[in-house]
All heavy atoms as atom14 arrays in JSON, in Angstrom:
{
  "sequence": "VQPFGNPRLQTHAVKRAQPDTFTSYVTNQGHRLIWRRVGKVAVLLLFG",
  "atom14_mask": [
    [1, 1, 1, 1, 1, 1, 1, 0, 0, 0, 0, 0, 0, 0],
    [1, 1, 1, 1, 1, 1, 1, 1, 1, 0, 0, 0, 0, 0],
    [1, 1, 1, 1, 1, 1, 1, 0, 0, 0, 0, 0, 0, 0],
    [1, 1, 1, 1, 1, 1, 1, 1, 1, 1, 1, 0, 0, 0],
    [1, 1, 1, 1, 0, 0, 0, 0, 0, 0, 0, 0, 0, 0],
    [1, 1, 1, 1, 1, 1, 1, 1, 0, 0, 0, 0, 0, 0],
    [1, 1, 1, 1, 1, 1, 1, 0, 0, 0, 0, 0, 0, 0],
    [1, 1, 1, 1, 1, 1, 1, 1, 1, 1, 1, 0, 0, 0],
    [1, 1, 1, 1, 1, 1, 1, 1, 0, 0, 0, 0, 0, 0],
    [1, 1, 1, 1, 1, 1, 1, 1, 1, 0, 0, 0, 0, 0],
    [1, 1, 1, 1, 1, 1, 1, 0, 0, 0, 0, 0, 0, 0],
    [1, 1, 1, 1, 1, 1, 1, 1, 1, 1, 0, 0, 0, 0],
    [1, 1, 1, 1, 1, 0, 0, 0, 0, 0, 0, 0, 0, 0],
    [1, 1, 1, 1, 1, 1, 1, 0, 0, 0, 0, 0, 0, 0],
    [1, 1, 1, 1, 1, 1, 1, 1, 1, 0, 0, 0, 0, 0],
    [1, 1, 1, 1, 1, 1, 1, 1, 1, 1, 1, 0, 0, 0],
    [1, 1, 1, 1, 1, 0, 0, 0, 0, 0, 0, 0, 0, 0],
    [1, 1, 1, 1, 1, 1, 1, 1, 1, 0, 0, 0, 0, 0],
    [1, 1, 1, 1, 1, 1, 1, 0, 0, 0, 0, 0, 0, 0],
    [1, 1, 1, 1, 1, 1, 1, 1, 0, 0, 0, 0, 0, 0],
    [1, 1, 1, 1, 1, 1, 1, 0, 0, 0, 0, 0, 0, 0],
    [1, 1, 1, 1, 1, 1, 1, 1, 1, 1, 1, 0, 0, 0],
    [1, 1, 1, 1, 1, 1, 1, 0, 0, 0, 0, 0, 0, 0],
    [1, 1, 1, 1, 1, 1, 0, 0, 0, 0, 0, 0, 0, 0],
    [1, 1, 1, 1, 1, 1, 1, 1, 1, 1, 1, 1, 0, 0],
    [1, 1, 1, 1, 1, 1, 1, 0, 0, 0, 0, 0, 0, 0],
    [1, 1, 1, 1, 1, 1, 1, 0, 0, 0, 0, 0, 0, 0],
    [1, 1, 1, 1, 1, 1, 1, 1, 0, 0, 0, 0, 0, 0],
    [1, 1, 1, 1, 1, 1, 1, 1, 1, 0, 0, 0, 0, 0],
    [1, 1, 1, 1, 0, 0, 0, 0, 0, 0, 0, 0, 0, 0],
    [1, 1, 1, 1, 1, 1, 1, 1, 1, 1, 0, 0, 0, 0],
    [1, 1, 1, 1, 1, 1, 1, 1, 1, 1, 1, 0, 0, 0],
    [1, 1, 1, 1, 1, 1, 1, 1, 0, 0, 0, 0, 0, 0],
    [1, 1, 1, 1, 1, 1, 1, 1, 0, 0, 0, 0, 0, 0],
    [1, 1, 1, 1, 1, 1, 1, 1, 1, 1, 1, 1, 1, 1],
    [1, 1, 1, 1, 1, 1, 1, 1, 1, 1, 1, 0, 0, 0],
    [1, 1, 1, 1, 1, 1, 1, 1, 1, 1, 1, 0, 0, 0],
    [1, 1, 1, 1, 1, 1, 1, 0, 0, 0, 0, 0, 0, 0],
    [1, 1, 1, 1, 0, 0, 0, 0, 0, 0, 0, 0, 0, 0],
    [1, 1, 1, 1, 1, 1, 1, 1, 1, 0, 0, 0, 0, 0],
    [1, 1, 1, 1, 1, 1, 1, 0, 0, 0, 0, 0, 0, 0],
    [1, 1, 1, 1, 1, 0, 0, 0, 0, 0, 0, 0, 0, 0],
    [1, 1, 1, 1, 1, 1, 1, 0, 0, 0, 0, 0, 0, 0],
    [1, 1, 1, 1, 1, 1, 1, 1, 0, 0, 0, 0, 0, 0],
    [1, 1, 1, 1, 1, 1, 1, 1, 0, 0, 0, 0, 0, 0],
    [1, 1, 1, 1, 1, 1, 1, 1, 0, 0, 0, 0, 0, 0],
    [1, 1, 1, 1, 1, 1, 1, 1, 1, 1, 1, 0, 0, 0],
    [1, 1, 1, 1, 0, 0, 0, 0, 0, 0, 0, 0, 0, 0]
  ],
  "atom14_positions": [
    [[3.65, -16.62, -11.95], [2.29, -16.14, -11.91], [1.64, -16.79, -10.61], [1.02, -16.03, -9.72], [1.48, -16.39, -13.11], [0.16, -15.89, -12.96], [2.11, -15.67, -14.33], [0.0, 0.0, 0.0], [0.0, 0.0, 0.0], [0.0, 0.0, 0.0], [0.0, 0.0, 0.0], [0.0, 0.0, 0.0], [0.0, 0.0, 0.0], [0.0, 0.0, 0.0]],
    [[1.71, -18.16, -10.46], [0.9, -18.77, -9.48], [1.59, -20.15, -9.09], [1.29, -21.15, -9.61], [-0.59, -19.07, -10.05], [-1.4, -19.76, -8.89], [-2.76, -20.19, -9.4], [-3.3, -19.6, -10.43], [-3.57, -20.71, -8.51], [0.0, 0.0, 0.0], [0.0, 0.0, 0.0], [0.0, 0.0, 0.0], [0.0, 0.0, 0.0], [0.0, 0.0, 0.0]],
    [[2.67, -20.07, -8.1], [3.29, -21.19, -7.77], [2.61, -22.23, -7.03], [2.93, -23.4, -7.03], [4.5, -20.67, -7.02], [3.92, -19.4, -6.38], [2.92, -18.87, -7.39], [0.0, 0.0, 0.0], [0.0, 0.0, 0.0], [0.0, 0.0, 0.0], [0.0, 0.0, 0.0], [0.0, 0.0, 0.0], [0.0, 0.0, 0.0], [0.0, 0.0, 0.0]],
    [[1.54, -21.89, -6.3], [0.77, -22.8, -5.47], [-0.77, -22.85, -5.82], [-1.21, -21.79, -6.3], [0.97, -22.35, -3.86], [2.35, -22.25, -3.54], [2.93, -20.99, -3.43], [2.99, -23.33, -3.16], [4.18, -20.95, -2.94], [4.32, -23.31, -2.69], [4.94, -22.07, -2.62], [0.0, 0.0, 0.0], [0.0, 0.0, 0.0], [0.0, 0.0, 0.0]],
    [[-1.3, -23.88, -5.68], [-2.82, -24.16, -6.07], [-2.93, -23.96, -7.59], [-4.07, -23.57, -7.93], [0.0, 0.0, 0.0], [0.0, 0.0, 0.0], [0.0, 0.0, 0.0], [0.0, 0.0, 0.0], [0.0, 0.0, 0.0], [0.0, 0.0, 0.0], [0.0, 0.0, 0.0], [0.0, 0.0, 0.0], [0.0, 0.0, 0.0], [0.0, 0.0, 0.0]],
    [[-1.99, -24.3, -8.39], [-2.05, -24.1, -9.84], [-2.02, -25.6, -10.47], [-1.16, -26.26, -10.33], [-0.8, -23.41, -10.3], [-0.77, -23.07, -11.77], [-1.52, -23.81, -12.53], [-0.02, -22.05, -12.14], [0.0, 0.0, 0.0], [0.0, 0.0, 0.0], [0.0, 0.0, 0.0], [0.0, 0.0, 0.0], [0.0, 0.0, 0.0], [0.0, 0.0, 0.0]],
    [[-3.27, -26.02, -11.04], [-3.36, -27.31, -11.46], [-2.46, -27.65, -12.72], [-2.19, -28.71, -12.98], [-4.84, -27.36, -11.93], [-5.25, -26.04, -12.11], [-4.51, -25.2, -11.16], [0.0, 0.0, 0.0], [0.0, 0.0, 0.0], [0.0, 0.0, 0.0], [0.0, 0.0, 0.0], [0.0, 0.0, 0.0], [0.0, 0.0, 0.0], [0.0, 0.0, 0.0]],
    [[-1.94, -26.52, -13.33], [-0.88, -26.63, -14.42], [0.44, -26.87, -13.99], [1.39, -27.03, -14.77], [-1.08, -25.6, -15.46], [-2.45, -25.39, -16.17], [-2.45, -24.28, -17.2], [-2.37, -23.12, -16.43], [-3.46, -22.33, -15.94], [-4.69, -23.01, -16.05], [-3.19, -21.22, -15.26], [0.0, 0.0, 0.0], [0.0, 0.0, 0.0], [0.0, 0.0, 0.0]],
    [[0.66, -26.79, -12.72], [1.96, -26.68, -12.09], [2.23, -27.84, -11.05], [3.29, -28.46, -11.15], [2.22, -25.41, -11.42], [3.77, -24.95, -11.07], [4.56, -25.04, -12.48], [3.81, -23.65, -10.46], [0.0, 0.0, 0.0], [0.0, 0.0, 0.0], [0.0, 0.0, 0.0], [0.0, 0.0, 0.0], [0.0, 0.0, 0.0], [0.0, 0.0, 0.0]],
    [[1.35, -28.05, -10.2], [1.43, -29.06, -9.02], [2.7, -28.91, -8.41], [3.73, -29.6, -8.64], [1.27, -30.46, -9.81], [0.0, -30.87, -10.27], [-0.18, -32.37, -10.57], [0.15, -33.09, -9.72], [-0.64, -32.64, -11.72], [0.0, 0.0, 0.0], [0.0, 0.0, 0.0], [0.0, 0.0, 0.0], [0.0, 0.0, 0.0], [0.0, 0.0, 0.0]],
    [[2.66, -28.02, -7.36], [3.79, -27.83, -6.6], [3.71, -28.65, -5.24], [2.78, -28.74, -4.58], [3.88, -26.27, -6.21], [4.16, -25.57, -7.39], [5.07, -26.04, -5.28], [0.0, 0.0, 0.0], [0.0, 0.0, 0.0], [0.0, 0.0, 0.0], [0.0, 0.0, 0.0], [0.0, 0.0, 0.0], [0.0, 0.0, 0.0], [0.0, 0.0, 0.0]],
    [[4.81, -29.29, -4.82], [4.97, -30.09, -3.68], [6.04, -29.59, -2.83], [7.04, -29.15, -3.42], [5.21, -31.56, -4.0], [4.24, -32.14, -5.06], [3.3, -33.1, -4.67], [4.1, -31.96, -6.43], [2.69, -33.42, -5.79], [3.07, -32.72, -6.87], [0.0, 0.0, 0.0], [0.0, 0.0, 0.0], [0.0, 0.0, 0.0], [0.0, 0.0, 0.0]],
    [[6.01, -30.0, -1.62], [7.15, -29.68, -0.76], [8.16, -30.78, -0.82], [7.69, -32.01, -1.08], [6.7, -29.64, 0.79], [0.0, 0.0, 0.0], [0.0, 0.0, 0.0], [0.0, 0.0, 0.0], [0.0, 0.0, 0.0], [0.0, 0.0, 0.0], [0.0, 0.0, 0.0], [0.0, 0.0, 0.0], [0.0, 0.0, 0.0], [0.0, 0.0, 0.0]],
    [[9.5, -30.55, -0.7], [10.44, -31.57, -0.73], [10.84, -31.86, 0.72], [11.39, -30.95, 1.39], [11.69, -31.06, -1.45], [12.72, -32.16, -1.58], [11.34, -30.63, -2.91], [0.0, 0.0, 0.0], [0.0, 0.0, 0.0], [0.0, 0.0, 0.0], [0.0, 0.0, 0.0], [0.0, 0.0, 0.0], [0.0, 0.0, 0.0], [0.0, 0.0, 0.0]],
    [[10.55, -33.07, 1.03], [10.63, -33.53, 2.49], [12.0, -33.32, 3.12], [12.15, -32.69, 4.18], [10.25, -35.03, 2.68], [8.86, -35.38, 2.33], [8.65, -36.95, 2.59], [7.31, -37.29, 2.18], [7.19, -38.76, 2.44], [0.0, 0.0, 0.0], [0.0, 0.0, 0.0], [0.0, 0.0, 0.0], [0.0, 0.0, 0.0], [0.0, 0.0, 0.0]],
    [[13.07, -33.91, 2.48], [14.29, -33.97, 3.24], [15.21, -32.84, 2.92], [16.49, -32.88, 3.1], [15.02, -35.27, 2.85], [14.13, -36.51, 3.52], [14.78, -37.74, 3.07], [16.01, -38.06, 3.59], [16.7, -39.11, 3.33], [16.18, -40.17, 2.55], [17.91, -39.3, 3.77], [0.0, 0.0, 0.0], [0.0, 0.0, 0.0], [0.0, 0.0, 0.0]],
    [[14.81, -31.8, 2.23], [15.64, -30.65, 1.74], [15.44, -29.58, 2.91], [14.76, -29.73, 3.85], [15.13, -30.17, 0.37], [0.0, 0.0, 0.0], [0.0, 0.0, 0.0], [0.0, 0.0, 0.0], [0.0, 0.0, 0.0], [0.0, 0.0, 0.0], [0.0, 0.0, 0.0], [0.0, 0.0, 0.0], [0.0, 0.0, 0.0], [0.0, 0.0, 0.0]],
    [[16.08, -28.43, 2.66], [15.97, -27.28, 3.54], [14.5, -26.84, 3.46], [13.8, -26.96, 2.57], [16.81, -26.1, 2.94], [18.23, -25.98, 3.48], [18.9, -24.69, 3.19], [18.9, -24.33, 2.09], [19.5, -24.05, 4.28], [0.0, 0.0, 0.0], [0.0, 0.0, 0.0], [0.0, 0.0, 0.0], [0.0, 0.0, 0.0], [0.0, 0.0, 0.0]],
    [[14.04, -26.27, 4.64], [12.75, -25.68, 4.74], [12.39, -24.67, 3.47], [13.46, -24.1, 3.11], [12.64, -24.9, 5.94], [13.77, -25.67, 6.92], [14.81, -26.0, 5.9], [0.0, 0.0, 0.0], [0.0, 0.0, 0.0], [0.0, 0.0, 0.0], [0.0, 0.0, 0.0], [0.0, 0.0, 0.0], [0.0, 0.0, 0.0], [0.0, 0.0, 0.0]],
    [[11.16, -24.61, 3.21], [10.75, -23.76, 2.05], [11.43, -24.13, 0.73], [11.56, -23.38, -0.26], [11.17, -22.34, 2.3], [9.92, -21.52, 2.66], [8.87, -22.15, 3.04], [9.95, -20.34, 2.72], [0.0, 0.0, 0.0], [0.0, 0.0, 0.0], [0.0, 0.0, 0.0], [0.0, 0.0, 0.0], [0.0, 0.0, 0.0], [0.0, 0.0, 0.0]],
    [[11.67, -25.48, 0.52], [12.19, -25.96, -0.76], [10.94, -26.77, -1.38], [10.3, -27.59, -0.7], [13.36, -26.92, -0.65], [14.5, -26.17, 0.04], [13.89, -27.49, -1.91], [0.0, 0.0, 0.0], [0.0, 0.0, 0.0], [0.0, 0.0, 0.0], [0.0, 0.0, 0.0], [0.0, 0.0, 0.0], [0.0, 0.0, 0.0], [0.0, 0.0, 0.0]],
    [[10.71, -26.51, -2.73], [9.47, -27.09, -3.33], [9.86, -27.53, -4.67], [11.02, -27.4, -5.27], [8.5, -25.96, -3.58], [8.1, -25.31, -2.27], [8.6, -24.13, -1.93], [7.08, -25.87, -1.5], [8.13, -23.49, -0.78], [6.73, -25.28, -0.34], [7.12, -24.0, 0.01], [0.0, 0.0, 0.0], [0.0, 0.0, 0.0], [0.0, 0.0, 0.0]],
    [[9.14, -28.55, -5.1], [9.25, -29.14, -6.54], [8.1, -28.86, -7.38], [6.89, -29.03, -6.81], [9.6, -30.63, -6.43], [9.65, -31.14, -7.85], [8.49, -31.38, -5.8], [0.0, 0.0, 0.0], [0.0, 0.0, 0.0], [0.0, 0.0, 0.0], [0.0, 0.0, 0.0], [0.0, 0.0, 0.0], [0.0, 0.0, 0.0], [0.0, 0.0, 0.0]],
    [[8.13, -28.61, -8.67], [7.03, -28.34, -9.49], [7.19, -29.33, -10.73], [8.26, -29.47, -11.19], [6.93, -26.93, -9.87], [6.79, -26.08, -8.73], [0.0, 0.0, 0.0], [0.0, 0.0, 0.0], [0.0, 0.0, 0.0], [0.0, 0.0, 0.0], [0.0, 0.0, 0.0], [0.0, 0.0, 0.0], [0.0, 0.0, 0.0], [0.0, 0.0, 0.0]],
    [[6.06, -29.75, -11.21], [6.05, -30.54, -12.37], [6.42, -29.72, -13.63], [6.06, -28.56, -13.75], [4.6, -31.04, -12.71], [4.17, -32.3, -11.82], [4.69, -32.47, -10.6], [3.38, -33.19, -12.28], [4.3, -33.49, -9.91], [3.01, -34.31, -11.66], [3.48, -34.5, -10.34], [3.08, -35.61, -9.52], [0.0, 0.0, 0.0], [0.0, 0.0, 0.0]],
    [[7.22, -30.29, -14.52], [7.49, -29.76, -15.77], [6.97, -30.42, -16.9], [6.39, -29.85, -17.84], [9.15, -29.81, -15.94], [9.51, -29.2, -17.29], [9.76, -28.89, -14.87], [0.0, 0.0, 0.0], [0.0, 0.0, 0.0], [0.0, 0.0, 0.0], [0.0, 0.0, 0.0], [0.0, 0.0, 0.0], [0.0, 0.0, 0.0], [0.0, 0.0, 0.0]],
    [[6.95, -31.79, -17.01], [6.27, -32.52, -18.03], [5.69, -33.67, -17.4], [5.86, -34.0, -16.12], [7.36, -32.93, -19.13], [8.15, -34.02, -18.51], [8.09, -31.89, -19.65], [0.0, 0.0, 0.0], [0.0, 0.0, 0.0], [0.0, 0.0, 0.0], [0.0, 0.0, 0.0], [0.0, 0.0, 0.0], [0.0, 0.0, 0.0], [0.0, 0.0, 0.0]],
    [[4.85, -34.49, -18.13], [4.2, -35.63, -17.6], [5.16, -36.82, -17.67], [4.88, -37.93, -17.3], [2.99, -36.01, -18.38], [1.8, -34.98, -18.2], [1.78, -34.42, -17.15], [1.1, -34.65, -19.19], [0.0, 0.0, 0.0], [0.0, 0.0, 0.0], [0.0, 0.0, 0.0], [0.0, 0.0, 0.0], [0.0, 0.0, 0.0], [0.0, 0.0, 0.0]],
    [[6.42, -36.61, -18.13], [7.34, -37.72, -18.26], [8.31, -37.79, -17.09], [9.31, -38.46, -17.16], [8.22, -37.47, -19.57], [7.53, -37.9, -20.87], [6.51, -36.88, -21.28], [6.77, -35.65, -21.14], [5.32, -37.26, -21.66], [0.0, 0.0, 0.0], [0.0, 0.0, 0.0], [0.0, 0.0, 0.0], [0.0, 0.0, 0.0], [0.0, 0.0, 0.0]],
    [[8.08, -37.1, -16.03], [8.67, -37.19, -14.71], [9.72, -36.11, -14.56], [10.53, -36.25, -13.52], [0.0, 0.0, 0.0], [0.0, 0.0, 0.0], [0.0, 0.0, 0.0], [0.0, 0.0, 0.0], [0.0, 0.0, 0.0], [0.0, 0.0, 0.0], [0.0, 0.0, 0.0], [0.0, 0.0, 0.0], [0.0, 0.0, 0.0], [0.0, 0.0, 0.0]],
    [[9.84, -35.01, -15.24], [10.79, -33.95, -15.1], [10.27, -33.07, -14.04], [9.06, -32.82, -13.9], [11.1, -33.25, -16.31], [11.68, -34.02, -17.4], [11.07, -34.77, -18.28], [13.1, -34.11, -17.69], [11.96, -35.35, -19.14], [13.18, -34.92, -18.69], [0.0, 0.0, 0.0], [0.0, 0.0, 0.0], [0.0, 0.0, 0.0], [0.0, 0.0, 0.0]],
    [[11.13, -32.54, -13.07], [10.84, -31.79, -12.0], [11.78, -30.53, -11.9], [12.93, -30.69, -12.28], [10.99, -32.59, -10.73], [9.88, -33.78, -10.53], [8.47, -33.37, -10.51], [7.57, -34.44, -10.18], [7.01, -35.18, -11.18], [7.28, -34.8, -12.4], [6.15, -36.11, -10.91], [0.0, 0.0, 0.0], [0.0, 0.0, 0.0], [0.0, 0.0, 0.0]],
    [[11.19, -29.54, -11.5], [11.94, -28.25, -11.16], [11.91, -28.15, -9.67], [10.9, -28.18, -8.9], [11.12, -27.06, -11.77], [11.71, -25.72, -11.37], [13.21, -25.42, -11.92], [10.74, -24.52, -11.85], [0.0, 0.0, 0.0], [0.0, 0.0, 0.0], [0.0, 0.0, 0.0], [0.0, 0.0, 0.0], [0.0, 0.0, 0.0], [0.0, 0.0, 0.0]],
    [[13.13, -28.01, -9.02], [13.46, -27.83, -7.71], [13.71, -26.33, -7.41], [14.58, -25.82, -7.98], [14.43, -28.79, -7.03], [14.19, -30.25, -7.31], [14.7, -28.46, -5.62], [13.05, -30.84, -6.54], [0.0, 0.0, 0.0], [0.0, 0.0, 0.0], [0.0, 0.0, 0.0], [0.0, 0.0, 0.0], [0.0, 0.0, 0.0], [0.0, 0.0, 0.0]],
    [[13.07, -25.68, -6.51], [13.33, -24.29, -6.18], [13.15, -24.04, -4.69], [12.43, -24.76, -3.94], [12.36, -23.33, -6.98], [10.9, -23.68, -6.91], [10.27, -24.62, -7.54], [9.99, -22.85, -6.16], [9.0, -24.46, -7.14], [8.65, -23.46, -6.34], [10.01, -21.64, -5.4], [7.56, -23.0, -5.8], [8.82, -21.22, -4.76], [7.68, -21.87, -5.0]],
    [[13.81, -22.95, -4.23], [13.68, -22.41, -2.86], [13.0, -21.07, -2.82], [13.26, -20.21, -3.65], [15.13, -22.33, -2.37], [15.26, -21.72, -0.84], [14.81, -22.7, 0.14], [14.74, -22.09, 1.45], [15.8, -21.86, 2.29], [17.05, -22.15, 1.9], [15.71, -21.32, 3.46], [0.0, 0.0, 0.0], [0.0, 0.0, 0.0], [0.0, 0.0, 0.0]],
    [[12.07, -20.9, -1.84], [11.38, -19.69, -1.78], [12.03, -18.84, -0.77], [12.33, -19.23, 0.35], [9.92, -20.0, -1.3], [9.05, -18.69, -1.01], [7.73, -18.94, -0.54], [7.56, -19.76, 0.72], [6.6, -19.96, 1.39], [5.35, -19.46, 0.92], [6.59, -20.58, 2.52], [0.0, 0.0, 0.0], [0.0, 0.0, 0.0], [0.0, 0.0, 0.0]],
    [[12.41, -17.62, -1.15], [12.97, -16.55, -0.27], [12.11, -15.35, -0.47], [12.4, -14.53, -1.39], [14.45, -16.38, -0.57], [14.97, -15.22, 0.34], [15.18, -17.63, -0.45], [0.0, 0.0, 0.0], [0.0, 0.0, 0.0], [0.0, 0.0, 0.0], [0.0, 0.0, 0.0], [0.0, 0.0, 0.0], [0.0, 0.0, 0.0], [0.0, 0.0, 0.0]],
    [[11.11, -15.13, 0.38], [10.28, -14.02, 0.22], [9.41, -14.35, -0.97], [8.82, -15.35, -1.25], [0.0, 0.0, 0.0], [0.0, 0.0, 0.0], [0.0, 0.0, 0.0], [0.0, 0.0, 0.0], [0.0, 0.0, 0.0], [0.0, 0.0, 0.0], [0.0, 0.0, 0.0], [0.0, 0.0, 0.0], [0.0, 0.0, 0.0], [0.0, 0.0, 0.0]],
    [[9.37, -13.21, -1.98], [8.66, -13.45, -3.2], [9.8, -13.63, -4.31], [9.51, -13.22, -5.53], [7.86, -12.17, -3.51], [6.57, -12.13, -2.71], [5.69, -13.3, -3.06], [4.29, -13.19, -2.31], [3.45, -14.26, -2.67], [0.0, 0.0, 0.0], [0.0, 0.0, 0.0], [0.0, 0.0, 0.0], [0.0, 0.0, 0.0], [0.0, 0.0, 0.0]],
    [[10.76, -14.55, -4.1], [11.76, -14.88, -5.08], [11.9, -16.34, -5.03], [11.88, -17.05, -3.99], [13.14, -14.24, -4.77], [14.16, -14.7, -5.74], [13.06, -12.83, -4.88], [0.0, 0.0, 0.0], [0.0, 0.0, 0.0], [0.0, 0.0, 0.0], [0.0, 0.0, 0.0], [0.0, 0.0, 0.0], [0.0, 0.0, 0.0], [0.0, 0.0, 0.0]],
    [[11.74, -17.0, -6.19], [12.05, -18.4, -6.29], [13.53, -18.57, -6.73], [13.83, -18.21, -7.96], [11.03, -18.98, -7.43], [0.0, 0.0, 0.0], [0.0, 0.0, 0.0], [0.0, 0.0, 0.0], [0.0, 0.0, 0.0], [0.0, 0.0, 0.0], [0.0, 0.0, 0.0], [0.0, 0.0, 0.0], [0.0, 0.0, 0.0], [0.0, 0.0, 0.0]],
    [[14.29, -19.18, -6.0], [15.69, -19.5, -6.38], [15.68, -20.85, -6.97], [15.46, -21.83, -6.33], [16.67, -19.44, -5.1], [17.86, -19.77, -5.47], [16.49, -18.1, -4.32], [0.0, 0.0, 0.0], [0.0, 0.0, 0.0], [0.0, 0.0, 0.0], [0.0, 0.0, 0.0], [0.0, 0.0, 0.0], [0.0, 0.0, 0.0], [0.0, 0.0, 0.0]],
    [[16.0, -20.86, -8.32], [15.89, -22.16, -9.01], [17.17, -22.87, -8.87], [18.33, -22.48, -9.1], [15.86, -21.74, -10.63], [14.63, -20.8, -10.81], [14.5, -20.55, -12.35], [13.36, -21.48, -10.4], [0.0, 0.0, 0.0], [0.0, 0.0, 0.0], [0.0, 0.0, 0.0], [0.0, 0.0, 0.0], [0.0, 0.0, 0.0], [0.0, 0.0, 0.0]],
    [[17.03, -24.11, -8.31], [18.08, -24.99, -8.02], [18.5, -26.04, -8.92], [19.6, -26.34, -9.28], [17.92, -25.66, -6.61], [17.86, -24.56, -5.42], [17.5, -25.23, -4.1], [19.1, -23.77, -5.27], [0.0, 0.0, 0.0], [0.0, 0.0, 0.0], [0.0, 0.0, 0.0], [0.0, 0.0, 0.0], [0.0, 0.0, 0.0], [0.0, 0.0, 0.0]],
    [[17.47, -26.88, -9.26], [17.63, -28.02, -10.11], [16.56, -28.39, -11.07], [15.38, -27.84, -10.82], [17.82, -29.33, -9.02], [18.78, -29.36, -8.12], [18.45, -30.28, -6.93], [20.21, -29.71, -8.73], [0.0, 0.0, 0.0], [0.0, 0.0, 0.0], [0.0, 0.0, 0.0], [0.0, 0.0, 0.0], [0.0, 0.0, 0.0], [0.0, 0.0, 0.0]],
    [[17.01, -29.02, -12.08], [15.91, -29.43, -13.17], [16.33, -30.73, -13.74], [17.54, -30.88, -14.09], [15.74, -28.37, -14.11], [15.1, -28.83, -15.37], [13.74, -29.28, -15.33], [15.67, -28.89, -16.63], [12.94, -29.66, -16.43], [15.04, -29.38, -17.74], [13.67, -29.6, -17.73], [0.0, 0.0, 0.0], [0.0, 0.0, 0.0], [0.0, 0.0, 0.0]],
    [[15.44, -31.75, -13.85], [15.83, -32.97, -14.37], [14.82, -34.11, -14.06], [13.69, -33.83, -13.61], [0.0, 0.0, 0.0], [0.0, 0.0, 0.0], [0.0, 0.0, 0.0], [0.0, 0.0, 0.0], [0.0, 0.0, 0.0], [0.0, 0.0, 0.0], [0.0, 0.0, 0.0], [0.0, 0.0, 0.0], [0.0, 0.0, 0.0], [0.0, 0.0, 0.0]]
  ]
}
């Protein structure tokens, strides 16, 4: 619904990965979702 500017998600850029790769918060215990933006598609890469 809202990958950016969403206080319930907190999306950050991943510095040393391919361009347009982002990480989003999953829980407050440090889990992260890593995904790659291709147009209006989120390619889900990693979770942990």
